[in-house]
Amino acid sequence: RLDGTPDENTAVVRTSAFHFGTWSVNEGDKSLTVHQEVNIFPNADGVDNKRSITLTGDELKMSNPMASSGVPVQSLWRRAK
């Protein structure tokens, strides 16, 4: 990271998302809400993001229909064995 050019460093930040906080699950509408306490982008501090989820066996699929990129994003998490 110390040897990156300004353009390379900008590209990394623009394609990354970092936040911390808590989350909650709503079993009724099969959603997960991420409560962002702090985000790499200060205008997203305190913002809640809701994602649709499905859990099948050891796989959790999450859909974010309102990603900052402007396109829906899906992610797949698998339980470690």
PDB file of N, CA and C in Angstrom:
ATOM      1  N   ARG A   1       0.808  -1.209   0.000  1.00  0.00           N
ATOM      2  CA  ARG A   1       0.000   0.000   0.000  1.00  0.00           C
ATOM      3  C   ARG A   1       0.843   1.261   0.000  1.00  0.00           C
ATOM      4  N   LEU A   2       2.057   1.164   0.517  1.00  0.00           N
ATOM      5  CA  LEU A   2       2.915   2.353   0.562  1.00  0.00           C
ATOM      6  C   LEU A   2       3.522   2.667  -0.797  1.00  0.00           C
ATOM      7  N   ASP A   3       3.558   1.695  -1.694  1.00  0.00           N
ATOM      8  CA  ASP A   3       4.169   1.900  -3.004  1.00  0.00           C
ATOM      9  C   ASP A   3       3.148   2.160  -4.103  1.00  0.00           C
ATOM     10  N   GLY A   4       1.867   2.222  -3.766  1.00  0.00           N
ATOM     11  CA  GLY A   4       0.834   2.448  -4.772  1.00  0.00           C
ATOM     12  C   GLY A   4       0.870   3.868  -5.311  1.00  0.00           C
ATOM     13  N   THR A   5       0.520   3.984  -6.570  1.00  0.00           N
ATOM     14  CA  THR A   5       0.413   5.319  -7.166  1.00  0.00           C
ATOM     15  C   THR A   5      -0.894   5.949  -6.684  1.00  0.00           C
ATOM     16  N   PRO A   6      -1.035   7.262  -6.813  1.00  0.00           N
ATOM     17  CA  PRO A   6      -2.306   7.886  -6.440  1.00  0.00           C
ATOM     18  C   PRO A   6      -3.501   7.272  -7.181  1.00  0.00           C
ATOM     19  N   ASP A   7      -3.323   6.956  -8.461  1.00  0.00           N
ATOM     20  CA  ASP A   7      -4.419   6.344  -9.223  1.00  0.00           C
ATOM     21  C   ASP A   7      -4.753   4.949  -8.701  1.00  0.00           C
ATOM     22  N   GLU A   8      -3.735   4.162  -8.370  1.00  0.00           N
ATOM     23  CA  GLU A   8      -3.975   2.816  -7.832  1.00  0.00           C
ATOM     24  C   GLU A   8      -4.681   2.892  -6.479  1.00  0.00           C
ATOM     25  N   ASN A   9      -4.241   3.782  -5.627  1.00  0.00           N
ATOM     26  CA  ASN A   9      -4.859   3.918  -4.307  1.00  0.00           C
ATOM     27  C   ASN A   9      -6.304   4.389  -4.422  1.00  0.00           C
ATOM     28  N   THR A  10      -6.581   5.311  -5.333  1.00  0.00           N
ATOM     29  CA  THR A  10      -7.952   5.768  -5.557  1.00  0.00           C
ATOM     30  C   THR A  10      -8.827   4.621  -6.031  1.00  0.00           C
ATOM     31  N   ALA A  11      -8.317   3.801  -6.936  1.00  0.00           N
ATOM     32  CA  ALA A  11      -9.081   2.664  -7.456  1.00  0.00           C
ATOM     33  C   ALA A  11      -9.432   1.678  -6.343  1.00  0.00           C
ATOM     34  N   VAL A  12      -8.515   1.459  -5.413  1.00  0.00           N
ATOM     35  CA  VAL A  12      -8.778   0.545  -4.307  1.00  0.00           C
ATOM     36  C   VAL A  12      -9.903   1.080  -3.420  1.00  0.00           C
ATOM     37  N   VAL A  13      -9.839   2.337  -3.078  1.00  0.00           N
ATOM     38  CA  VAL A  13     -10.857   2.915  -2.203  1.00  0.00           C
ATOM     39  C   VAL A  13     -12.215   2.937  -2.887  1.00  0.00           C
ATOM     40  N   ARG A  14     -12.252   3.264  -4.152  1.00  0.00           N
ATOM     41  CA  ARG A  14     -13.524   3.343  -4.874  1.00  0.00           C
ATOM     42  C   ARG A  14     -14.203   1.995  -5.037  1.00  0.00           C
ATOM     43  N   THR A  15     -13.445   0.915  -4.971  1.00  0.00           N
ATOM     44  CA  THR A  15     -14.031  -0.414  -5.147  1.00  0.00           C
ATOM     45  C   THR A  15     -14.108  -1.193  -3.840  1.00  0.00           C
ATOM     46  N   SER A  16     -13.915  -0.519  -2.727  1.00  0.00           N
ATOM     47  CA  SER A  16     -13.933  -1.181  -1.417  1.00  0.00           C
ATOM     48  C   SER A  16     -15.045  -0.623  -0.547  1.00  0.00           C
ATOM     49  N   ALA A  17     -15.463  -1.429   0.392  1.00  0.00           N
ATOM     50  CA  ALA A  17     -16.463  -0.985   1.367  1.00  0.00           C
ATOM     51  C   ALA A  17     -16.044  -1.510   2.735  1.00  0.00           C
ATOM     52  N   PHE A  18     -15.890  -0.604   3.678  1.00  0.00           N
ATOM     53  CA  PHE A  18     -15.495  -0.989   5.026  1.00  0.00           C
ATOM     54  C   PHE A  18     -16.435  -0.313   6.018  1.00  0.00           C
ATOM     55  N   HIS A  19     -16.955  -1.079   6.934  1.00  0.00           N
ATOM     56  CA  HIS A  19     -17.805  -0.523   7.976  1.00  0.00           C
ATOM     57  C   HIS A  19     -17.809  -1.470   9.169  1.00  0.00           C
ATOM     58  N   PHE A  20     -18.232  -0.939  10.316  1.00  0.00           N
ATOM     59  CA  PHE A  20     -18.474  -1.821  11.454  1.00  0.00           C
ATOM     60  C   PHE A  20     -19.724  -1.361  12.164  1.00  0.00           C
ATOM     61  N   GLY A  21     -20.302  -2.292  12.877  1.00  0.00           N
ATOM     62  CA  GLY A  21     -21.538  -2.010  13.590  1.00  0.00           C
ATOM     63  C   GLY A  21     -22.203  -3.303  13.997  1.00  0.00           C
ATOM     64  N   THR A  22     -23.496  -3.296  14.039  1.00  0.00           N
ATOM     65  CA  THR A  22     -24.250  -4.478  14.438  1.00  0.00           C
ATOM     66  C   THR A  22     -25.206  -4.851  13.309  1.00  0.00           C
ATOM     67  N   TRP A  23     -25.857  -5.975  13.466  1.00  0.00           N
ATOM     68  CA  TRP A  23     -26.833  -6.407  12.477  1.00  0.00           C
ATOM     69  C   TRP A  23     -27.980  -7.095  13.181  1.00  0.00           C
ATOM     70  N   SER A  24     -29.106  -7.160  12.492  1.00  0.00           N
ATOM     71  CA  SER A  24     -30.273  -7.858  13.030  1.00  0.00           C
ATOM     72  C   SER A  24     -30.959  -8.608  11.898  1.00  0.00           C
ATOM     73  N   VAL A  25     -31.635  -9.687  12.257  1.00  0.00           N
ATOM     74  CA  VAL A  25     -32.320 -10.534  11.286  1.00  0.00           C
ATOM     75  C   VAL A  25     -33.816 -10.429  11.510  1.00  0.00           C
ATOM     76  N   ASN A  26     -34.571 -10.308  10.417  1.00  0.00           N
ATOM     77  CA  ASN A  26     -36.027 -10.331  10.458  1.00  0.00           C
ATOM     78  C   ASN A  26     -36.460 -11.606   9.746  1.00  0.00           C
ATOM     79  N   GLU A  27     -36.855 -12.606  10.517  1.00  0.00           N
ATOM     80  CA  GLU A  27     -37.243 -13.885   9.925  1.00  0.00           C
ATOM     81  C   GLU A  27     -38.514 -13.760   9.098  1.00  0.00           C
ATOM     82  N   GLY A  28     -39.402 -12.824   9.456  1.00  0.00           N
ATOM     83  CA  GLY A  28     -40.665 -12.656   8.756  1.00  0.00           C
ATOM     84  C   GLY A  28     -40.501 -12.297   7.296  1.00  0.00           C
ATOM     85  N   ASP A  29     -39.627 -11.329   7.011  1.00  0.00           N
ATOM     86  CA  ASP A  29     -39.438 -10.947   5.603  1.00  0.00           C
ATOM     87  C   ASP A  29     -38.095 -11.421   5.044  1.00  0.00           C
ATOM     88  N   LYS A  30     -37.439 -12.320   5.792  1.00  0.00           N
ATOM     89  CA  LYS A  30     -36.167 -12.926   5.370  1.00  0.00           C
ATOM     90  C   LYS A  30     -35.159 -11.861   4.968  1.00  0.00           C
ATOM     91  N   SER A  31     -34.869 -10.994   5.945  1.00  0.00           N
ATOM     92  CA  SER A  31     -33.912  -9.922   5.666  1.00  0.00           C
ATOM     93  C   SER A  31     -32.909  -9.794   6.805  1.00  0.00           C
ATOM     94  N   LEU A  32     -31.788  -9.179   6.474  1.00  0.00           N
ATOM     95  CA  LEU A  32     -30.743  -8.860   7.434  1.00  0.00           C
ATOM     96  C   LEU A  32     -30.492  -7.367   7.306  1.00  0.00           C
ATOM     97  N   THR A  33     -30.483  -6.659   8.413  1.00  0.00           N
ATOM     98  CA  THR A  33     -30.206  -5.227   8.404  1.00  0.00           C
ATOM     99  C   THR A  33     -28.863  -4.981   9.073  1.00  0.00           C
ATOM    100  N   VAL A  34     -27.980  -4.312   8.329  1.00  0.00           N
ATOM    101  CA  VAL A  34     -26.666  -3.938   8.844  1.00  0.00           C
ATOM    102  C   VAL A  34     -26.775  -2.514   9.374  1.00  0.00           C
ATOM    103  N   HIS A  35     -26.511  -2.341  10.667  1.00  0.00           N
ATOM    104  CA  HIS A  35     -26.550  -1.027  11.315  1.00  0.00           C
ATOM    105  C   HIS A  35     -25.110  -0.500  11.341  1.00  0.00           C
ATOM    106  N   GLN A  36     -24.762   0.353  10.380  1.00  0.00           N
ATOM    107  CA  GLN A  36     -23.389   0.841  10.253  1.00  0.00           C
ATOM    108  C   GLN A  36     -23.122   1.945  11.267  1.00  0.00           C
ATOM    109  N   GLU A  37     -22.317   1.641  12.254  1.00  0.00           N
ATOM    110  CA  GLU A  37     -21.937   2.684  13.205  1.00  0.00           C
ATOM    111  C   GLU A  37     -20.925   3.625  12.559  1.00  0.00           C
ATOM    112  N   VAL A  38     -19.928   3.044  11.906  1.00  0.00           N
ATOM    113  CA  VAL A  38     -18.901   3.835  11.228  1.00  0.00           C
ATOM    114  C   VAL A  38     -18.624   3.186   9.884  1.00  0.00           C
ATOM    115  N   ASN A  39     -18.507   4.015   8.856  1.00  0.00           N
ATOM    116  CA  ASN A  39     -18.247   3.560   7.504  1.00  0.00           C
ATOM    117  C   ASN A  39     -17.036   4.309   6.975  1.00  0.00           C
ATOM    118  N   ILE A  40     -16.330   3.726   6.014  1.00  0.00           N
ATOM    119  CA  ILE A  40     -15.186   4.418   5.411  1.00  0.00           C
ATOM    120  C   ILE A  40     -15.631   5.731   4.780  1.00  0.00           C
ATOM    121  N   PHE A  41     -16.911   5.792   4.368  1.00  0.00           N
ATOM    122  CA  PHE A  41     -17.477   7.018   3.827  1.00  0.00           C
ATOM    123  C   PHE A  41     -18.347   7.668   4.902  1.00  0.00           C
ATOM    124  N   PRO A  42     -17.931   8.789   5.461  1.00  0.00           N
ATOM    125  CA  PRO A  42     -18.623   9.385   6.608  1.00  0.00           C
ATOM    126  C   PRO A  42     -20.117   9.645   6.393  1.00  0.00           C
ATOM    127  N   ASN A  43     -20.551   9.884   5.159  1.00  0.00           N
ATOM    128  CA  ASN A  43     -21.978  10.137   4.939  1.00  0.00           C
ATOM    129  C   ASN A  43     -22.818   8.875   5.132  1.00  0.00           C
ATOM    130  N   ALA A  44     -22.176   7.712   5.290  1.00  0.00           N
ATOM    131  CA  ALA A  44     -22.897   6.467   5.542  1.00  0.00           C
ATOM    132  C   ALA A  44     -22.864   6.067   7.015  1.00  0.00           C
ATOM    133  N   ASP A  45     -22.205   6.859   7.872  1.00  0.00           N
ATOM    134  CA  ASP A  45     -22.219   6.575   9.310  1.00  0.00           C
ATOM    135  C   ASP A  45     -23.661   6.613   9.812  1.00  0.00           C
ATOM    136  N   GLY A  46     -24.041   5.616  10.582  1.00  0.00           N
ATOM    137  CA  GLY A  46     -25.376   5.578  11.163  1.00  0.00           C
ATOM    138  C   GLY A  46     -26.464   5.108  10.218  1.00  0.00           C
ATOM    139  N   VAL A  47     -26.104   4.743   9.001  1.00  0.00           N
ATOM    140  CA  VAL A  47     -27.095   4.307   8.009  1.00  0.00           C
ATOM    141  C   VAL A  47     -27.366   2.810   8.162  1.00  0.00           C
ATOM    142  N   ASP A  48     -28.635   2.414   8.049  1.00  0.00           N
ATOM    143  CA  ASP A  48     -29.017   1.010   8.049  1.00  0.00           C
ATOM    144  C   ASP A  48     -29.165   0.530   6.617  1.00  0.00           C
ATOM    145  N   ASN A  49     -28.584  -0.623   6.309  1.00  0.00           N
ATOM    146  CA  ASN A  49     -28.717  -1.246   4.990  1.00  0.00           C
ATOM    147  C   ASN A  49     -29.425  -2.578   5.141  1.00  0.00           C
ATOM    148  N   LYS A  50     -30.513  -2.733   4.409  1.00  0.00           N
ATOM    149  CA  LYS A  50     -31.304  -3.957   4.473  1.00  0.00           C
ATOM    150  C   LYS A  50     -30.967  -4.841   3.279  1.00  0.00           C
ATOM    151  N   ARG A  51     -30.776  -6.142   3.560  1.00  0.00           N
ATOM    152  CA  ARG A  51     -30.455  -7.103   2.520  1.00  0.00           C
ATOM    153  C   ARG A  51     -31.404  -8.290   2.617  1.00  0.00           C
ATOM    154  N   SER A  52     -31.832  -8.788   1.477  1.00  0.00           N
ATOM    155  CA  SER A  52     -32.629 -10.015   1.449  1.00  0.00           C
ATOM    156  C   SER A  52     -31.698 -11.198   1.642  1.00  0.00           C
ATOM    157  N   ILE A  53     -32.144 -12.198   2.406  1.00  0.00           N
ATOM    158  CA  ILE A  53     -31.294 -13.355   2.665  1.00  0.00           C
ATOM    159  C   ILE A  53     -32.058 -14.657   2.446  1.00  0.00           C
ATOM    160  N   THR A  54     -31.303 -15.682   2.092  1.00  0.00           N
ATOM    161  CA  THR A  54     -31.814 -17.048   2.083  1.00  0.00           C
ATOM    162  C   THR A  54     -30.744 -17.929   2.716  1.00  0.00           C
ATOM    163  N   LEU A  55     -31.167 -18.849   3.534  1.00  0.00           N
ATOM    164  CA  LEU A  55     -30.258 -19.767   4.212  1.00  0.00           C
ATOM    165  C   LEU A  55     -30.640 -21.178   3.809  1.00  0.00           C
ATOM    166  N   THR A  56     -29.707 -21.868   3.166  1.00  0.00           N
ATOM    167  CA  THR A  56     -29.919 -23.236   2.723  1.00  0.00           C
ATOM    168  C   THR A  56     -28.715 -24.066   3.145  1.00  0.00           C
ATOM    169  N   GLY A  57     -28.945 -24.983   4.079  1.00  0.00           N
ATOM    170  CA  GLY A  57     -27.821 -25.797   4.561  1.00  0.00           C
ATOM    171  C   GLY A  57     -26.740 -24.925   5.141  1.00  0.00           C
ATOM    172  N   ASP A  58     -25.542 -25.013   4.572  1.00  0.00           N
ATOM    173  CA  ASP A  58     -24.390 -24.244   5.045  1.00  0.00           C
ATOM    174  C   ASP A  58     -24.136 -22.986   4.214  1.00  0.00           C
ATOM    175  N   GLU A  59     -25.134 -22.565   3.411  1.00  0.00           N
ATOM    176  CA  GLU A  59     -24.962 -21.391   2.564  1.00  0.00           C
ATOM    177  C   GLU A  59     -25.931 -20.269   2.932  1.00  0.00           C
ATOM    178  N   LEU A  60     -25.383 -19.077   3.057  1.00  0.00           N
ATOM    179  CA  LEU A  60     -26.171 -17.869   3.278  1.00  0.00           C
ATOM    180  C   LEU A  60     -25.996 -16.981   2.056  1.00  0.00           C
ATOM    181  N   LYS A  61     -27.093 -16.678   1.374  1.00  0.00           N
ATOM    182  CA  LYS A  61     -27.053 -15.789   0.216  1.00  0.00           C
ATOM    183  C   LYS A  61     -27.665 -14.458   0.618  1.00  0.00           C
ATOM    184  N   MET A  62     -26.972 -13.369   0.294  1.00  0.00           N
ATOM    185  CA  MET A  62     -27.453 -12.026   0.595  1.00  0.00           C
ATOM    186  C   MET A  62     -27.543 -11.218  -0.689  1.00  0.00           C
ATOM    187  N   SER A  63     -28.626 -10.466  -0.828  1.00  0.00           N
ATOM    188  CA  SER A  63     -28.827  -9.591  -1.983  1.00  0.00           C
ATOM    189  C   SER A  63     -28.957  -8.161  -1.494  1.00  0.00           C
ATOM    190  N   ASN A  64     -28.190  -7.274  -2.114  1.00  0.00           N
ATOM    191  CA  ASN A  64     -28.255  -5.850  -1.801  1.00  0.00           C
ATOM    192  C   ASN A  64     -28.756  -5.129  -3.049  1.00  0.00           C
ATOM    193  N   PRO A  65     -30.065  -4.834  -3.118  1.00  0.00           N
ATOM    194  CA  PRO A  65     -30.619  -4.232  -4.323  1.00  0.00           C
ATOM    195  C   PRO A  65     -30.232  -2.770  -4.521  1.00  0.00           C
ATOM    196  N   MET A  66     -29.661  -2.124  -3.497  1.00  0.00           N
ATOM    197  CA  MET A  66     -29.334  -0.697  -3.593  1.00  0.00           C
ATOM    198  C   MET A  66     -27.855  -0.449  -3.305  1.00  0.00           C
ATOM    199  N   ALA A  67     -26.982  -1.196  -3.959  1.00  0.00           N
ATOM    200  CA  ALA A  67     -25.549  -1.013  -3.745  1.00  0.00           C
ATOM    201  C   ALA A  67     -25.100   0.355  -4.254  1.00  0.00           C
ATOM    202  N   SER A  68     -24.029   0.865  -3.694  1.00  0.00           N
ATOM    203  CA  SER A  68     -23.541   2.189  -4.089  1.00  0.00           C
ATOM    204  C   SER A  68     -23.097   2.225  -5.548  1.00  0.00           C
ATOM    205  N   SER A  69     -22.818   1.059  -6.121  1.00  0.00           N
ATOM    206  CA  SER A  69     -22.406   1.003  -7.529  1.00  0.00           C
ATOM    207  C   SER A  69     -23.570   1.267  -8.471  1.00  0.00           C
ATOM    208  N   GLY A  70     -24.796   1.208  -7.934  1.00  0.00           N
ATOM    209  CA  GLY A  70     -25.971   1.421  -8.762  1.00  0.00           C
ATOM    210  C   GLY A  70     -26.536   0.144  -9.351  1.00  0.00           C
ATOM    211  N   VAL A  71     -25.868  -0.971  -9.108  1.00  0.00           N
ATOM    212  CA  VAL A  71     -26.360  -2.268  -9.577  1.00  0.00           C
ATOM    213  C   VAL A  71     -26.546  -3.192  -8.380  1.00  0.00           C
ATOM    214  N   PRO A  72     -27.495  -4.125  -8.465  1.00  0.00           N
ATOM    215  CA  PRO A  72     -27.682  -5.072  -7.364  1.00  0.00           C
ATOM    216  C   PRO A  72     -26.422  -5.926  -7.158  1.00  0.00           C
ATOM    217  N   VAL A  73     -26.149  -6.243  -5.907  1.00  0.00           N
ATOM    218  CA  VAL A  73     -24.983  -7.065  -5.561  1.00  0.00           C
ATOM    219  C   VAL A  73     -25.466  -8.270  -4.767  1.00  0.00           C
ATOM    220  N   GLN A  74     -24.935  -9.430  -5.096  1.00  0.00           N
ATOM    221  CA  GLN A  74     -25.253 -10.641  -4.352  1.00  0.00           C
ATOM    222  C   GLN A  74     -23.960 -11.225  -3.809  1.00  0.00           C
ATOM    223  N   SER A  75     -24.042 -11.778  -2.610  1.00  0.00           N
ATOM    224  CA  SER A  75     -22.881 -12.444  -2.033  1.00  0.00           C
ATOM    225  C   SER A  75     -23.307 -13.787  -1.454  1.00  0.00           C
ATOM    226  N   LEU A  76     -22.378 -14.710  -1.441  1.00  0.00           N
ATOM    227  CA  LEU A  76     -22.617 -16.049  -0.938  1.00  0.00           C
ATOM    228  C   LEU A  76     -21.595 -16.345   0.138  1.00  0.00           C
ATOM    229  N   TRP A  77     -22.088 -16.736   1.299  1.00  0.00           N
ATOM    230  CA  TRP A  77     -21.229 -17.093   2.427  1.00  0.00           C
ATOM    231  C   TRP A  77     -21.429 -18.574   2.693  1.00  0.00           C
ATOM    232  N   ARG A  78     -20.344 -19.292   2.941  1.00  0.00           N
ATOM    233  CA  ARG A  78     -20.417 -20.712   3.282  1.00  0.00           C
ATOM    234  C   ARG A  78     -19.826 -20.927   4.654  1.00  0.00           C
ATOM    235  N   ARG A  79     -20.492 -21.796   5.406  1.00  0.00           N
ATOM    236  CA  ARG A  79     -20.001 -22.133   6.753  1.00  0.00           C
ATOM    237  C   ARG A  79     -18.674 -22.871   6.638  1.00  0.00           C
ATOM    238  N   ALA A  80     -17.705 -22.466   7.427  1.00  0.00           N
ATOM    239  CA  ALA A  80     -16.398 -23.141   7.441  1.00  0.00           C
ATOM    240  C   ALA A  80     -16.533 -24.490   8.140  1.00  0.00           C
ATOM    241  N   LYS A  81     -15.830 -25.445   7.643  1.00  0.00           N
ATOM    242  CA  LYS A  81     -15.881 -26.806   8.236  1.00  0.00           C
ATOM    243  C   LYS A  81     -14.541 -27.170   8.796  1.00  0.00           C
TER     244      LYS A  81
END
